[in-house]
């Protein structure tokens, strides 16, 4: 059954939800900037269109993606990695918008991580039915910096796992404007996204946009 349009969270600050030491959900943290963030996503995608990458095993990823910043995360039959160039056209990835950098810095600070300066922003576009299997963010090589993940558009259920893939994962409901930050002792926790339900949002239609900020160099 298709869900109708839903109300955004109220603009008043909500207390952060601590998942464990080093990890928390900042409810509605990006809500006030959401429209501007999505406009910036459109500008990035005009230069580096969304595409479906292939895993090293040859499987097509269901989630469409693009990047902005000095480095972009890519995957193909040769493996997962960061690259300065968009492999589709051989051009540099679009610069990271100042709004993105500021939001990532402020969210990291709110979670207790000072001075976060991301050089990579992976932009994922989810449609109903798409998912992200449990995984760790390990390709950065330097785990001293946190991950900042911004949810825009239709709701999702975020899976927060443990140090091992087999560990039981918690289910965290995320809506438009929520931000999850993890680092320090929680930096290498497994995480993922359950298949998205049918839904619609006034700013993104039947899609969820996720911005994941990382320090990859």
Protein backbone atom coordinates (compact mmCIF):
# COMPACT_ATOMS: atom_id res chain seq x y z
CA UNK A 1 0.00 0.00 0.00
CA UNK A 2 1.33 3.44 -0.92
CA UNK A 3 1.87 5.79 2.00
CA UNK A 4 0.63 9.35 1.72
CA UNK A 5 2.66 12.51 2.26
CA UNK A 6 3.90 12.76 5.81
CA UNK A 7 4.60 15.64 8.15
CA UNK A 8 8.16 16.71 8.74
CA UNK A 9 9.57 16.81 12.22
CA UNK A 10 8.97 20.05 14.15
CA UNK A 11 11.69 22.68 13.82
CA UNK A 12 12.42 22.76 17.56
CA UNK A 13 15.59 20.85 18.51
CA UNK A 14 15.10 17.30 19.69
CA UNK A 15 17.54 15.53 21.99
CA UNK A 16 20.04 13.27 20.22
CA UNK A 17 19.47 9.54 20.39
CA UNK A 18 22.65 7.79 21.49
CA UNK A 19 23.06 4.42 19.79
CA UNK A 20 26.26 3.62 21.66
CA UNK A 21 29.43 5.53 22.60
CA UNK A 22 30.54 7.35 19.45
CA UNK A 23 27.24 7.00 17.57
CA UNK A 24 24.03 9.01 17.67
CA UNK A 25 20.98 10.09 15.69
CA UNK A 26 20.39 13.85 15.41
CA UNK A 27 16.65 14.11 14.78
CA UNK A 28 15.66 16.82 12.31
CA UNK A 29 19.17 18.29 12.28
CA UNK A 30 19.15 18.96 8.51
CA UNK A 31 15.46 19.82 8.21
CA UNK A 32 15.80 23.59 7.93
CA UNK A 33 18.33 23.22 5.10
CA UNK A 34 16.68 20.30 3.30
CA UNK A 35 15.37 22.19 0.28
CA UNK A 36 18.74 23.85 -0.33
CA UNK A 37 20.54 20.53 0.12
CA UNK A 38 18.33 18.88 -2.48
CA UNK A 39 18.85 21.75 -4.91
CA UNK A 40 22.59 21.27 -4.50
CA UNK A 41 22.17 17.53 -5.15
CA UNK A 42 20.45 18.35 -8.44
CA UNK A 43 23.36 20.58 -9.42
CA UNK A 44 25.87 17.84 -8.62
CA UNK A 45 23.85 15.26 -10.56
CA UNK A 46 23.68 17.57 -13.58
CA UNK A 47 27.49 17.29 -13.80
CA UNK A 48 27.89 13.71 -12.56
CA UNK A 49 24.63 11.83 -13.19
CA UNK A 50 23.33 9.12 -10.89
CA UNK A 51 24.38 5.64 -11.98
CA UNK A 52 24.17 2.04 -10.76
CA UNK A 53 27.62 0.69 -9.95
CA UNK A 54 28.73 -2.91 -10.30
CA UNK A 55 30.19 -4.83 -7.37
CA UNK A 56 33.51 -6.67 -7.66
CA UNK A 57 31.41 -9.83 -7.98
CA UNK A 58 29.62 -8.43 -11.03
CA UNK A 59 26.27 -7.58 -9.42
CA UNK A 60 24.47 -4.36 -10.28
CA UNK A 61 23.77 -2.24 -7.20
CA UNK A 62 20.09 -1.37 -6.76
CA UNK A 63 20.83 2.03 -5.23
CA UNK A 64 21.81 4.76 -7.70
CA UNK A 65 24.75 6.95 -6.71
CA UNK A 66 27.00 9.86 -7.54
CA UNK A 67 29.71 11.82 -5.69
CA UNK A 68 31.02 15.28 -5.01
CA UNK A 69 34.23 16.46 -3.39
CA UNK A 70 37.92 15.83 -4.00
CA UNK A 71 37.33 12.08 -3.97
CA UNK A 72 34.46 9.87 -5.05
CA UNK A 73 33.64 6.32 -3.97
CA UNK A 74 33.38 3.90 -6.88
CA UNK A 75 33.01 0.18 -7.45
CA UNK A 76 33.60 -2.10 -10.41
CA UNK A 77 34.96 -5.57 -11.14
CA UNK A 78 38.41 -4.45 -9.91
CA UNK A 79 37.13 -3.55 -6.42
CA UNK A 80 35.90 -0.77 -4.15
CA UNK A 81 37.97 2.41 -3.94
CA UNK A 82 38.09 6.20 -3.94
CA UNK A 83 39.05 8.03 -7.11
CA UNK A 84 39.55 11.68 -8.01
CA UNK A 85 37.96 11.07 -11.41
CA UNK A 86 34.45 10.08 -12.40
CA UNK A 87 35.04 6.81 -14.29
CA UNK A 88 32.08 7.53 -16.58
CA UNK A 89 33.63 10.60 -18.21
CA UNK A 90 37.18 10.88 -16.84
CA UNK A 91 36.44 14.28 -15.29
CA UNK A 92 36.98 15.43 -11.71
CA UNK A 93 33.98 14.96 -9.44
CA UNK A 94 31.96 18.16 -8.88
CA UNK A 95 33.23 20.28 -5.95
CA UNK A 96 31.51 19.73 -2.63
CA UNK A 97 29.03 22.58 -2.02
CA UNK A 98 29.85 24.84 0.92
CA UNK A 99 26.44 24.02 2.39
CA UNK A 100 27.38 20.34 2.49
CA UNK A 101 30.68 21.01 4.25
CA UNK A 102 29.08 23.26 6.83
CA UNK A 103 26.31 20.78 7.63
CA UNK A 104 28.78 17.90 7.99
CA UNK A 105 31.01 19.96 10.30
CA UNK A 106 28.10 21.08 12.48
CA UNK A 107 26.58 17.60 12.72
CA UNK A 108 29.94 16.08 13.65
CA UNK A 109 30.44 18.76 16.30
CA UNK A 110 26.97 18.09 17.73
CA UNK A 111 27.97 14.43 18.07
CA UNK A 112 31.24 15.28 19.81
CA UNK A 113 33.66 15.17 16.85
CA UNK A 114 35.38 18.52 16.39
CA UNK A 115 36.94 19.84 13.20
CA UNK A 116 35.48 17.34 10.73
CA UNK A 117 36.51 18.32 7.19
CA UNK A 118 35.10 15.77 4.71
CA UNK A 119 36.70 15.44 1.30
CA UNK A 120 34.14 12.97 -0.10
CA UNK A 121 30.36 12.96 -0.21
CA UNK A 122 28.67 9.84 -1.56
CA UNK A 123 25.11 10.64 -2.69
CA UNK A 124 22.78 7.64 -2.81
CA UNK A 125 19.30 7.68 -4.36
CA UNK A 126 16.95 4.99 -3.10
CA UNK A 127 13.66 3.99 -4.73
CA UNK A 128 11.02 1.82 -3.03
CA UNK A 129 12.29 -1.73 -2.77
CA UNK A 130 15.97 -0.82 -2.82
CA UNK A 131 18.20 -1.67 0.11
CA UNK A 132 21.77 -1.53 1.37
CA UNK A 133 23.16 -4.72 2.88
CA UNK A 134 25.10 -4.69 6.14
CA UNK A 135 28.63 -3.42 5.57
CA UNK A 136 31.47 -1.45 7.15
CA UNK A 137 32.93 1.77 5.78
CA UNK A 138 36.53 0.58 5.50
CA UNK A 139 37.76 2.01 2.20
CA UNK A 140 38.87 5.30 3.78
CA UNK A 141 41.95 3.71 5.35
CA UNK A 142 41.98 6.28 8.17
CA UNK A 143 39.33 5.65 10.79
CA UNK A 144 40.12 8.66 12.98
CA UNK A 145 37.32 10.65 11.36
CA UNK A 146 33.58 10.12 11.78
CA UNK A 147 30.92 9.30 9.21
CA UNK A 148 28.04 11.77 8.81
CA UNK A 149 24.92 10.41 7.08
CA UNK A 150 22.01 12.71 6.13
CA UNK A 151 18.54 11.39 5.26
CA UNK A 152 16.28 13.35 2.87
CA UNK A 153 12.98 12.34 1.32
CA UNK A 154 10.97 9.22 2.05
CA UNK A 155 11.51 7.30 5.31
CA UNK A 156 13.95 4.44 5.74
CA UNK A 157 14.81 1.86 8.35
CA UNK A 158 18.51 2.08 9.20
CA UNK A 159 20.22 -1.05 10.45
CA UNK A 160 22.76 -0.48 13.21
CA UNK A 161 24.84 -3.61 13.74
CA UNK A 162 27.85 -4.61 15.74
CA UNK A 163 31.53 -5.31 15.20
CA UNK A 164 30.72 -8.52 13.28
CA UNK A 165 28.33 -8.96 10.37
CA UNK A 166 26.52 -11.72 12.26
CA UNK A 167 25.78 -9.46 15.26
CA UNK A 168 22.12 -8.62 15.71
CA UNK A 169 21.26 -5.24 14.16
CA UNK A 170 18.96 -2.65 15.68
CA UNK A 171 16.31 -1.06 13.49
CA UNK A 172 16.30 2.74 13.54
CA UNK A 173 13.51 4.64 11.77
CA UNK A 174 14.90 7.64 9.87
CA UNK A 175 12.86 10.42 8.30
CA UNK A 176 13.48 13.55 6.27
CA UNK A 177 16.13 15.72 7.95
CA UNK A 178 17.57 13.12 10.32
CA UNK A 179 21.36 12.80 10.57
CA UNK A 180 23.32 9.82 11.90
CA UNK A 181 26.91 10.33 13.04
CA UNK A 182 29.31 7.59 14.10
CA UNK A 183 33.02 7.50 14.82
CA UNK A 184 35.56 6.73 17.52
CA UNK A 185 34.79 3.31 19.07
CA UNK A 186 31.77 2.94 16.78
CA UNK A 187 33.55 3.87 13.53
CA UNK A 188 33.64 0.34 12.07
CA UNK A 189 30.18 -0.82 13.08
CA UNK A 190 28.23 -2.72 10.46
CA UNK A 191 25.24 -0.80 9.13
CA UNK A 192 22.74 -0.92 6.29
CA UNK A 193 19.23 -0.02 5.12
CA UNK A 194 16.18 -2.29 4.87
CA UNK A 195 14.22 -2.33 1.58
CA UNK A 196 12.31 0.94 1.37
CA UNK A 197 8.52 0.88 1.49
CA UNK A 198 6.37 2.64 -1.07
CA UNK A 199 6.08 6.29 -0.04
CA UNK A 200 6.12 9.82 -1.40
CA UNK A 201 7.66 13.06 -0.19
CA UNK A 202 6.84 16.56 -1.51
CA UNK A 203 10.49 17.38 -2.20
CA UNK A 204 11.80 14.06 -3.55
CA UNK A 205 8.76 12.18 -4.81
CA UNK A 206 9.20 8.42 -4.41
CA UNK A 207 12.88 8.64 -3.51
CA UNK A 208 15.17 8.87 -0.54
CA UNK A 209 18.39 10.84 -0.93
CA UNK A 210 21.24 10.01 1.43
CA UNK A 211 24.37 12.14 1.78
CA UNK A 212 27.29 10.31 3.37
CA UNK A 213 30.25 12.49 4.31
CA UNK A 214 33.68 10.95 4.82
CA UNK A 215 37.32 11.92 5.18
CA UNK A 216 38.91 9.59 2.65
CA UNK A 217 42.43 10.97 2.28
